[in-house]
N, C-alpha and C. Protein backbone atom coordinates (compact mmCIF):
# COMPACT_ATOMS: atom_id res chain seq x y z
N MET A 1 -1.95 -25.64 -11.02
CA MET A 1 -1.90 -24.42 -10.23
C MET A 1 -3.31 -23.89 -9.98
N LYS A 2 -4.11 -23.82 -11.05
CA LYS A 2 -5.47 -23.31 -10.94
C LYS A 2 -6.31 -24.21 -10.03
N LYS A 3 -6.07 -25.55 -10.10
CA LYS A 3 -6.80 -26.50 -9.26
C LYS A 3 -6.49 -26.26 -7.78
N ASN A 4 -5.23 -25.95 -7.48
CA ASN A 4 -4.84 -25.70 -6.10
C ASN A 4 -5.54 -24.46 -5.54
N ILE A 5 -5.67 -23.43 -6.34
CA ILE A 5 -6.34 -22.20 -5.90
C ILE A 5 -7.83 -22.48 -5.67
N ILE A 6 -8.45 -23.20 -6.59
CA ILE A 6 -9.87 -23.54 -6.44
C ILE A 6 -10.06 -24.42 -5.20
N TYR A 7 -9.18 -25.41 -5.03
CA TYR A 7 -9.27 -26.30 -3.87
C TYR A 7 -9.11 -25.51 -2.57
N GLY A 8 -8.17 -24.58 -2.57
CA GLY A 8 -7.95 -23.73 -1.38
C GLY A 8 -9.17 -22.88 -1.07
N CYS A 9 -9.79 -22.33 -2.09
CA CYS A 9 -11.00 -21.51 -1.89
C CYS A 9 -12.14 -22.36 -1.34
N ILE A 10 -12.32 -23.54 -1.89
CA ILE A 10 -13.40 -24.43 -1.43
C ILE A 10 -13.17 -24.81 0.04
N CYS A 11 -11.94 -25.17 0.38
CA CYS A 11 -11.62 -25.53 1.78
C CYS A 11 -11.88 -24.36 2.72
N SER A 12 -11.51 -23.16 2.31
CA SER A 12 -11.74 -21.97 3.13
C SER A 12 -13.23 -21.73 3.36
N LEU A 13 -14.02 -21.88 2.30
CA LEU A 13 -15.47 -21.70 2.42
C LEU A 13 -16.09 -22.74 3.34
N VAL A 14 -15.65 -23.99 3.23
CA VAL A 14 -16.17 -25.05 4.09
C VAL A 14 -15.83 -24.76 5.55
N LEU A 15 -14.58 -24.40 5.82
CA LEU A 15 -14.18 -24.09 7.20
C LEU A 15 -14.95 -22.90 7.75
N LEU A 16 -15.11 -21.87 6.95
CA LEU A 16 -15.86 -20.69 7.37
C LEU A 16 -17.30 -21.06 7.64
N SER A 17 -17.88 -21.87 6.80
CA SER A 17 -19.27 -22.31 6.99
C SER A 17 -19.42 -23.12 8.26
N CYS A 18 -18.46 -24.00 8.56
CA CYS A 18 -18.52 -24.81 9.78
C CYS A 18 -18.48 -23.91 11.02
N GLU A 19 -17.62 -22.89 11.00
CA GLU A 19 -17.54 -21.95 12.12
C GLU A 19 -18.86 -21.19 12.28
N GLU A 20 -19.45 -20.77 11.18
CA GLU A 20 -20.72 -20.05 11.24
C GLU A 20 -21.83 -20.93 11.80
N VAL A 21 -21.87 -22.20 11.39
CA VAL A 21 -22.88 -23.13 11.90
C VAL A 21 -22.66 -23.35 13.39
N GLU A 22 -21.41 -23.53 13.81
CA GLU A 22 -21.13 -23.73 15.24
C GLU A 22 -21.56 -22.50 16.04
N ASP A 23 -21.32 -21.30 15.52
CA ASP A 23 -21.76 -20.08 16.20
C ASP A 23 -23.27 -20.05 16.36
N LEU A 24 -23.99 -20.54 15.37
CA LEU A 24 -25.45 -20.58 15.45
C LEU A 24 -25.92 -21.56 16.51
N LEU A 25 -25.12 -22.56 16.82
CA LEU A 25 -25.49 -23.59 17.78
C LEU A 25 -24.88 -23.32 19.16
N THR A 26 -24.35 -22.13 19.36
CA THR A 26 -23.72 -21.76 20.62
C THR A 26 -24.58 -20.72 21.32
N PHE A 27 -24.77 -20.93 22.61
CA PHE A 27 -25.56 -20.02 23.43
C PHE A 27 -25.01 -20.02 24.84
N HIS A 28 -25.59 -19.22 25.72
CA HIS A 28 -25.11 -19.11 27.09
C HIS A 28 -26.16 -19.61 28.08
N VAL A 29 -25.67 -20.23 29.15
CA VAL A 29 -26.51 -20.61 30.27
C VAL A 29 -25.97 -19.86 31.48
N ASN A 30 -26.86 -19.13 32.15
CA ASN A 30 -26.47 -18.35 33.32
C ASN A 30 -27.10 -18.96 34.57
N ASP A 31 -26.29 -19.11 35.62
CA ASP A 31 -26.76 -19.59 36.91
C ASP A 31 -26.30 -18.62 37.99
N ARG A 32 -26.98 -18.68 39.13
CA ARG A 32 -26.66 -17.77 40.23
C ARG A 32 -26.88 -18.50 41.55
N THR A 33 -26.00 -18.22 42.50
CA THR A 33 -26.16 -18.71 43.86
C THR A 33 -25.53 -17.70 44.81
N THR A 34 -25.66 -17.95 46.10
CA THR A 34 -25.10 -17.05 47.11
C THR A 34 -24.28 -17.86 48.10
N ILE A 35 -23.16 -17.30 48.52
CA ILE A 35 -22.36 -17.92 49.58
C ILE A 35 -22.19 -16.91 50.70
N ARG A 36 -21.92 -17.42 51.88
CA ARG A 36 -21.67 -16.56 53.04
C ARG A 36 -20.29 -16.88 53.59
N ILE A 37 -19.47 -15.85 53.71
CA ILE A 37 -18.15 -15.97 54.32
C ILE A 37 -18.30 -15.46 55.75
N GLU A 38 -18.16 -16.39 56.70
CA GLU A 38 -18.38 -16.07 58.11
C GLU A 38 -17.25 -15.23 58.68
N SER A 39 -17.58 -14.46 59.70
CA SER A 39 -16.61 -13.53 60.29
C SER A 39 -15.53 -14.21 61.12
N ALA A 40 -15.77 -15.38 61.62
CA ALA A 40 -14.81 -16.05 62.50
C ALA A 40 -13.86 -16.95 61.73
N MET A 41 -13.25 -16.44 60.68
CA MET A 41 -12.34 -17.24 59.85
C MET A 41 -10.89 -16.98 60.27
N PRO A 42 -10.06 -18.03 60.26
CA PRO A 42 -8.65 -17.83 60.57
C PRO A 42 -7.95 -17.11 59.42
N LEU A 43 -6.95 -16.31 59.73
CA LEU A 43 -6.20 -15.59 58.70
C LEU A 43 -5.14 -16.50 58.08
N GLY A 44 -4.94 -16.36 56.78
CA GLY A 44 -3.85 -17.01 56.08
C GLY A 44 -3.99 -18.50 55.86
N LEU A 45 -5.10 -19.11 56.26
CA LEU A 45 -5.31 -20.54 56.06
C LEU A 45 -6.46 -20.77 55.10
N PRO A 46 -6.31 -21.69 54.14
CA PRO A 46 -7.44 -21.99 53.24
C PRO A 46 -8.59 -22.61 54.04
N LEU A 47 -9.79 -22.17 53.75
CA LEU A 47 -10.97 -22.65 54.46
C LEU A 47 -12.11 -22.84 53.46
N ASP A 48 -12.81 -23.97 53.60
CA ASP A 48 -13.96 -24.24 52.73
C ASP A 48 -15.18 -23.49 53.20
N ILE A 49 -15.92 -22.92 52.25
CA ILE A 49 -17.17 -22.23 52.51
C ILE A 49 -18.31 -23.13 52.03
N PRO A 50 -19.25 -23.47 52.91
CA PRO A 50 -20.37 -24.29 52.45
C PRO A 50 -21.20 -23.54 51.40
N THR A 51 -21.56 -24.25 50.36
CA THR A 51 -22.36 -23.67 49.27
C THR A 51 -23.53 -24.61 48.99
N PRO A 52 -24.74 -24.09 48.94
CA PRO A 52 -25.87 -24.96 48.64
C PRO A 52 -25.79 -25.45 47.19
N ASP A 53 -26.44 -26.61 46.92
CA ASP A 53 -26.50 -27.09 45.54
C ASP A 53 -27.13 -26.03 44.65
N VAL A 54 -26.63 -25.93 43.45
CA VAL A 54 -27.15 -24.97 42.48
C VAL A 54 -28.11 -25.71 41.56
N SER A 55 -29.36 -25.30 41.55
CA SER A 55 -30.32 -25.86 40.61
C SER A 55 -30.15 -25.13 39.29
N SER A 56 -29.68 -25.84 38.30
CA SER A 56 -29.39 -25.22 37.02
C SER A 56 -30.66 -25.01 36.21
N ASN A 57 -30.69 -23.92 35.47
CA ASN A 57 -31.80 -23.67 34.55
C ASN A 57 -31.42 -24.12 33.14
N SER A 58 -30.43 -24.99 33.04
CA SER A 58 -29.90 -25.39 31.73
C SER A 58 -30.94 -26.09 30.86
N GLU A 59 -31.78 -26.94 31.43
CA GLU A 59 -32.79 -27.65 30.62
C GLU A 59 -33.69 -26.66 29.87
N GLN A 60 -34.12 -25.62 30.58
CA GLN A 60 -34.96 -24.60 29.95
C GLN A 60 -34.18 -23.86 28.86
N GLN A 61 -32.92 -23.56 29.14
CA GLN A 61 -32.08 -22.88 28.16
C GLN A 61 -31.85 -23.76 26.93
N TYR A 62 -31.65 -25.06 27.15
CA TYR A 62 -31.47 -25.97 26.01
C TYR A 62 -32.74 -25.96 25.15
N GLU A 63 -33.88 -26.05 25.81
CA GLU A 63 -35.15 -26.06 25.08
C GLU A 63 -35.34 -24.75 24.30
N ASN A 64 -35.01 -23.62 24.93
CA ASN A 64 -35.13 -22.32 24.27
C ASN A 64 -34.24 -22.21 23.04
N ASN A 65 -33.18 -23.02 23.01
CA ASN A 65 -32.24 -23.00 21.89
C ASN A 65 -32.37 -24.24 21.00
N ASN A 66 -33.56 -24.86 21.05
CA ASN A 66 -33.88 -26.00 20.19
C ASN A 66 -32.90 -27.16 20.30
N THR A 67 -32.52 -27.47 21.52
CA THR A 67 -31.63 -28.61 21.74
C THR A 67 -32.02 -29.31 23.03
N HIS A 68 -31.23 -30.28 23.42
CA HIS A 68 -31.49 -31.08 24.61
C HIS A 68 -30.13 -31.44 25.23
N ALA A 69 -30.11 -31.77 26.50
CA ALA A 69 -28.86 -32.09 27.20
C ALA A 69 -28.06 -33.18 26.48
N ASP A 70 -28.74 -34.15 25.90
CA ASP A 70 -28.05 -35.24 25.21
C ASP A 70 -27.28 -34.75 23.98
N LEU A 71 -27.64 -33.59 23.47
CA LEU A 71 -27.01 -33.06 22.26
C LEU A 71 -25.90 -32.04 22.56
N VAL A 72 -25.70 -31.75 23.84
CA VAL A 72 -24.64 -30.81 24.24
C VAL A 72 -23.29 -31.46 23.97
N LYS A 73 -22.42 -30.71 23.27
CA LYS A 73 -21.13 -31.30 22.92
C LYS A 73 -19.93 -30.51 23.45
N ASP A 74 -20.14 -29.29 23.92
CA ASP A 74 -19.01 -28.53 24.45
C ASP A 74 -19.52 -27.44 25.40
N VAL A 75 -19.09 -27.49 26.65
CA VAL A 75 -19.47 -26.49 27.64
C VAL A 75 -18.21 -26.01 28.34
N LYS A 76 -18.06 -24.69 28.40
CA LYS A 76 -16.93 -24.08 29.11
C LYS A 76 -17.46 -22.92 29.94
N LEU A 77 -16.81 -22.69 31.07
CA LEU A 77 -17.14 -21.52 31.88
C LEU A 77 -16.55 -20.30 31.19
N GLU A 78 -17.40 -19.34 30.87
CA GLU A 78 -16.93 -18.13 30.21
C GLU A 78 -16.65 -17.03 31.23
N GLU A 79 -17.48 -16.99 32.28
CA GLU A 79 -17.32 -15.92 33.26
C GLU A 79 -17.85 -16.37 34.62
N LEU A 80 -17.13 -16.01 35.68
CA LEU A 80 -17.60 -16.22 37.04
C LEU A 80 -17.34 -14.93 37.80
N LYS A 81 -18.43 -14.28 38.15
CA LYS A 81 -18.36 -12.97 38.79
C LYS A 81 -18.89 -13.07 40.22
N LEU A 82 -18.18 -12.45 41.15
CA LEU A 82 -18.60 -12.40 42.54
C LEU A 82 -18.95 -10.96 42.90
N THR A 83 -20.09 -10.81 43.59
CA THR A 83 -20.54 -9.48 44.02
C THR A 83 -20.92 -9.54 45.49
N ILE A 84 -20.34 -8.67 46.28
CA ILE A 84 -20.71 -8.59 47.70
C ILE A 84 -22.07 -7.91 47.79
N THR A 85 -23.01 -8.60 48.43
CA THR A 85 -24.36 -8.04 48.58
C THR A 85 -24.59 -7.48 49.99
N GLN A 86 -23.92 -8.08 50.99
CA GLN A 86 -24.02 -7.59 52.38
C GLN A 86 -22.69 -7.81 53.08
N PRO A 87 -22.17 -6.89 53.82
CA PRO A 87 -22.59 -5.50 53.92
C PRO A 87 -22.25 -4.73 52.64
N SER A 88 -23.10 -3.82 52.29
CA SER A 88 -22.97 -3.11 51.02
C SER A 88 -21.69 -2.27 50.91
N SER A 89 -21.11 -1.92 52.04
CA SER A 89 -19.90 -1.09 52.02
C SER A 89 -18.61 -1.91 51.98
N LYS A 90 -18.72 -3.24 52.00
CA LYS A 90 -17.53 -4.11 52.06
C LYS A 90 -16.92 -4.30 50.68
N SER A 91 -15.59 -4.45 50.65
CA SER A 91 -14.88 -4.77 49.41
C SER A 91 -14.19 -6.13 49.57
N PHE A 92 -13.65 -6.65 48.48
CA PHE A 92 -12.97 -7.94 48.52
C PHE A 92 -11.53 -7.84 49.01
N SER A 93 -11.12 -6.71 49.54
CA SER A 93 -9.75 -6.55 50.01
C SER A 93 -9.40 -7.51 51.16
N PHE A 94 -10.39 -8.10 51.81
CA PHE A 94 -10.14 -9.05 52.90
C PHE A 94 -9.68 -10.42 52.39
N LEU A 95 -9.83 -10.68 51.10
CA LEU A 95 -9.45 -11.98 50.53
C LEU A 95 -8.04 -11.94 49.97
N LYS A 96 -7.34 -13.04 50.17
CA LYS A 96 -6.03 -13.22 49.55
C LYS A 96 -6.18 -14.08 48.29
N THR A 97 -6.92 -15.21 48.41
CA THR A 97 -7.16 -16.09 47.27
C THR A 97 -8.57 -16.67 47.38
N ILE A 98 -9.10 -17.07 46.22
CA ILE A 98 -10.38 -17.78 46.18
C ILE A 98 -10.33 -18.79 45.05
N ARG A 99 -10.86 -19.97 45.33
CA ARG A 99 -10.96 -21.05 44.35
C ARG A 99 -12.36 -21.63 44.44
N ILE A 100 -12.97 -21.88 43.29
CA ILE A 100 -14.30 -22.48 43.27
C ILE A 100 -14.22 -23.77 42.48
N PHE A 101 -14.80 -24.82 43.06
CA PHE A 101 -14.79 -26.16 42.48
C PHE A 101 -16.22 -26.56 42.18
N ILE A 102 -16.39 -27.46 41.20
CA ILE A 102 -17.72 -27.94 40.82
C ILE A 102 -17.73 -29.47 40.87
N SER A 103 -18.89 -30.02 41.26
CA SER A 103 -19.07 -31.48 41.26
C SER A 103 -20.55 -31.79 41.13
N THR A 104 -20.84 -33.04 40.80
CA THR A 104 -22.22 -33.55 40.80
C THR A 104 -22.18 -34.93 41.44
N ASP A 105 -23.35 -35.52 41.61
CA ASP A 105 -23.40 -36.88 42.14
C ASP A 105 -22.75 -37.87 41.18
N GLN A 106 -22.75 -37.54 39.89
CA GLN A 106 -22.20 -38.44 38.88
C GLN A 106 -20.77 -38.08 38.45
N ALA A 107 -20.28 -36.91 38.81
CA ALA A 107 -18.97 -36.48 38.34
C ALA A 107 -18.14 -35.94 39.51
N SER A 108 -16.87 -36.29 39.51
CA SER A 108 -16.00 -35.86 40.60
C SER A 108 -15.69 -34.37 40.51
N GLU A 109 -15.15 -33.86 41.58
CA GLU A 109 -14.88 -32.42 41.70
C GLU A 109 -13.69 -32.00 40.86
N ILE A 110 -13.85 -30.85 40.19
CA ILE A 110 -12.76 -30.22 39.45
C ILE A 110 -12.78 -28.73 39.75
N GLU A 111 -11.64 -28.09 39.56
CA GLU A 111 -11.56 -26.65 39.78
C GLU A 111 -12.26 -25.93 38.62
N LEU A 112 -13.10 -24.96 38.98
CA LEU A 112 -13.89 -24.22 38.00
C LEU A 112 -13.27 -22.86 37.69
N ALA A 113 -12.86 -22.14 38.75
CA ALA A 113 -12.30 -20.79 38.57
C ALA A 113 -11.50 -20.43 39.81
N PHE A 114 -10.64 -19.42 39.66
CA PHE A 114 -9.78 -19.01 40.78
C PHE A 114 -9.36 -17.55 40.61
N LEU A 115 -8.85 -17.00 41.70
CA LEU A 115 -8.21 -15.69 41.66
C LEU A 115 -7.22 -15.65 42.82
N ASP A 116 -5.97 -15.35 42.51
CA ASP A 116 -4.91 -15.28 43.51
C ASP A 116 -4.45 -13.84 43.68
N ASN A 117 -3.82 -13.58 44.82
CA ASN A 117 -3.26 -12.25 45.10
C ASN A 117 -4.28 -11.14 44.89
N ILE A 118 -5.41 -11.28 45.53
CA ILE A 118 -6.50 -10.31 45.37
C ILE A 118 -6.14 -9.02 46.10
N THR A 119 -6.20 -7.93 45.37
CA THR A 119 -5.92 -6.62 45.95
C THR A 119 -7.06 -5.65 45.68
N ALA A 120 -8.12 -6.15 45.10
CA ALA A 120 -9.24 -5.30 44.68
C ALA A 120 -9.95 -4.68 45.87
N ALA A 121 -10.08 -3.38 45.83
CA ALA A 121 -10.84 -2.66 46.84
C ALA A 121 -12.21 -2.33 46.24
N THR A 122 -12.84 -3.34 45.68
CA THR A 122 -14.13 -3.19 45.03
C THR A 122 -15.05 -4.31 45.49
N SER A 123 -16.33 -4.13 45.29
CA SER A 123 -17.29 -5.15 45.74
C SER A 123 -17.63 -6.16 44.65
N VAL A 124 -16.98 -6.06 43.49
CA VAL A 124 -17.21 -6.99 42.38
C VAL A 124 -15.85 -7.44 41.85
N ILE A 125 -15.68 -8.76 41.72
CA ILE A 125 -14.46 -9.29 41.10
C ILE A 125 -14.84 -10.40 40.12
N GLU A 126 -13.99 -10.61 39.13
CA GLU A 126 -14.16 -11.71 38.19
C GLU A 126 -13.02 -12.69 38.40
N LEU A 127 -13.38 -13.96 38.53
CA LEU A 127 -12.39 -15.01 38.68
C LEU A 127 -11.91 -15.46 37.32
N THR A 128 -10.77 -16.13 37.30
CA THR A 128 -10.21 -16.67 36.08
C THR A 128 -10.75 -18.08 35.87
N PRO A 129 -11.52 -18.30 34.82
CA PRO A 129 -12.04 -19.66 34.58
C PRO A 129 -10.93 -20.61 34.18
N THR A 130 -11.02 -21.85 34.65
CA THR A 130 -10.12 -22.88 34.13
C THR A 130 -10.69 -23.26 32.76
N GLN A 131 -9.94 -23.96 31.99
CA GLN A 131 -10.41 -24.35 30.66
C GLN A 131 -10.96 -25.77 30.66
N GLN A 132 -11.48 -26.19 31.81
CA GLN A 132 -12.04 -27.54 31.95
C GLN A 132 -13.26 -27.72 31.06
N LYS A 133 -13.42 -28.91 30.53
CA LYS A 133 -14.61 -29.27 29.77
C LYS A 133 -15.70 -29.61 30.78
N LEU A 134 -16.86 -28.95 30.70
CA LEU A 134 -17.88 -29.04 31.73
C LEU A 134 -19.17 -29.70 31.25
N ASP A 135 -19.12 -30.44 30.17
CA ASP A 135 -20.33 -31.04 29.59
C ASP A 135 -21.13 -31.84 30.62
N VAL A 136 -20.46 -32.73 31.34
CA VAL A 136 -21.17 -33.61 32.28
C VAL A 136 -21.84 -32.81 33.40
N TYR A 137 -21.23 -31.70 33.81
CA TYR A 137 -21.79 -30.86 34.88
C TYR A 137 -22.99 -30.06 34.37
N ALA A 138 -22.88 -29.58 33.13
CA ALA A 138 -23.96 -28.78 32.55
C ALA A 138 -25.18 -29.62 32.20
N LYS A 139 -25.01 -30.91 32.04
CA LYS A 139 -26.13 -31.78 31.72
C LYS A 139 -26.92 -32.18 32.97
N ALA A 140 -26.34 -31.97 34.14
CA ALA A 140 -27.00 -32.34 35.40
C ALA A 140 -28.06 -31.30 35.76
N SER A 141 -29.09 -31.74 36.47
CA SER A 141 -30.16 -30.81 36.88
C SER A 141 -29.69 -29.90 38.01
N SER A 142 -28.67 -30.34 38.74
CA SER A 142 -28.07 -29.49 39.77
C SER A 142 -26.61 -29.88 39.92
N TYR A 143 -25.85 -28.99 40.51
CA TYR A 143 -24.45 -29.26 40.77
C TYR A 143 -24.06 -28.58 42.07
N ASN A 144 -22.93 -28.99 42.60
CA ASN A 144 -22.45 -28.42 43.85
C ASN A 144 -21.22 -27.59 43.59
N LEU A 145 -21.16 -26.45 44.22
CA LEU A 145 -19.96 -25.61 44.19
C LEU A 145 -19.32 -25.66 45.57
N ARG A 146 -18.02 -25.83 45.59
CA ARG A 146 -17.27 -25.73 46.84
C ARG A 146 -16.33 -24.54 46.69
N THR A 147 -16.37 -23.67 47.67
CA THR A 147 -15.55 -22.46 47.62
C THR A 147 -14.47 -22.55 48.68
N GLU A 148 -13.25 -22.28 48.28
CA GLU A 148 -12.12 -22.30 49.20
C GLU A 148 -11.51 -20.90 49.19
N VAL A 149 -11.44 -20.28 50.36
CA VAL A 149 -10.89 -18.92 50.45
C VAL A 149 -9.75 -18.88 51.46
N THR A 150 -8.85 -17.96 51.22
CA THR A 150 -7.81 -17.61 52.19
C THR A 150 -7.97 -16.12 52.43
N THR A 151 -8.17 -15.74 53.71
CA THR A 151 -8.37 -14.33 54.02
C THR A 151 -7.04 -13.66 54.33
N ASP A 152 -7.03 -12.36 54.10
CA ASP A 152 -5.84 -11.55 54.31
C ASP A 152 -6.02 -10.59 55.47
N GLU A 153 -7.27 -10.44 55.92
CA GLU A 153 -7.56 -9.58 57.06
C GLU A 153 -8.76 -10.15 57.81
N ALA A 154 -8.84 -9.80 59.07
CA ALA A 154 -9.93 -10.31 59.91
C ALA A 154 -11.27 -9.68 59.50
N LEU A 155 -12.30 -10.50 59.51
CA LEU A 155 -13.66 -10.02 59.23
C LEU A 155 -14.37 -9.76 60.54
N THR A 156 -14.98 -8.60 60.66
CA THR A 156 -15.73 -8.28 61.87
C THR A 156 -17.20 -8.67 61.74
N GLN A 157 -17.64 -8.93 60.51
CA GLN A 157 -18.99 -9.41 60.27
C GLN A 157 -19.00 -10.31 59.03
N SER A 158 -20.01 -11.16 58.94
CA SER A 158 -20.12 -12.08 57.81
C SER A 158 -20.37 -11.30 56.52
N VAL A 159 -19.93 -11.90 55.41
CA VAL A 159 -20.06 -11.27 54.10
C VAL A 159 -20.86 -12.20 53.19
N ASP A 160 -21.95 -11.68 52.61
CA ASP A 160 -22.75 -12.43 51.65
C ASP A 160 -22.27 -12.08 50.24
N VAL A 161 -22.05 -13.13 49.44
CA VAL A 161 -21.50 -12.95 48.10
C VAL A 161 -22.40 -13.64 47.09
N GLN A 162 -22.82 -12.89 46.08
CA GLN A 162 -23.59 -13.45 44.97
C GLN A 162 -22.61 -13.99 43.93
N VAL A 163 -22.84 -15.22 43.49
CA VAL A 163 -21.98 -15.88 42.50
C VAL A 163 -22.77 -15.99 41.20
N ASP A 164 -22.29 -15.32 40.16
CA ASP A 164 -22.92 -15.37 38.84
C ASP A 164 -22.01 -16.16 37.89
N LEU A 165 -22.58 -17.21 37.32
CA LEU A 165 -21.83 -18.08 36.41
C LEU A 165 -22.41 -17.95 35.01
N LYS A 166 -21.52 -17.87 34.03
CA LYS A 166 -21.94 -17.79 32.64
C LYS A 166 -21.20 -18.88 31.87
N PHE A 167 -21.96 -19.89 31.40
CA PHE A 167 -21.40 -21.00 30.65
C PHE A 167 -21.65 -20.80 29.16
N ARG A 168 -20.65 -21.11 28.36
CA ARG A 168 -20.79 -21.09 26.89
C ARG A 168 -21.06 -22.53 26.46
N VAL A 169 -22.20 -22.73 25.81
CA VAL A 169 -22.64 -24.07 25.44
C VAL A 169 -22.75 -24.18 23.92
N THR A 170 -22.17 -25.24 23.40
CA THR A 170 -22.34 -25.57 21.97
C THR A 170 -23.04 -26.92 21.92
N ALA A 171 -24.11 -26.98 21.12
CA ALA A 171 -24.91 -28.21 21.03
C ALA A 171 -25.43 -28.38 19.62
N ASP A 172 -25.91 -29.56 19.35
CA ASP A 172 -26.58 -29.83 18.09
C ASP A 172 -28.07 -29.57 18.28
N THR A 173 -28.75 -29.26 17.21
CA THR A 173 -30.19 -29.06 17.29
C THR A 173 -30.90 -30.39 17.21
N PHE A 174 -32.20 -30.40 17.55
CA PHE A 174 -32.99 -31.64 17.52
C PHE A 174 -32.89 -32.30 16.17
């Protein structure tokens, strides 16, 4: 009986220590890009928005956290926030749905985040991240985002949207 209690305590300490070590090896990589939603979009139909390649600052972030891309073992999207920058008075009420996909030259496209049934009358929204494993994308020096939107109302002018991505990265140290 006493051995079982001691064994249980030792196992608990080991598990707790492993979680603490993993927390020490976890950090965030933030990237930003801008997309433009043109005014001449059809209503109610999904339409792709061209997005320039995103040059990731991940290599610098890995170095700042005493690691390297080869040592990255788990990357997940923690947050994807959209902010309308122009026109400043516009809200996201014109959108019905939005989906953002990620790809690289070495990895095929997967869905990164989405938001359906948008009713927000605000200029900032947060999308729901998928739980996809993003290691291969985070190790690349750049990646491509493809944005698919369905509008709910006609746009009289183009809308510029800032895309802020926050990745949670767990890696081993050098």
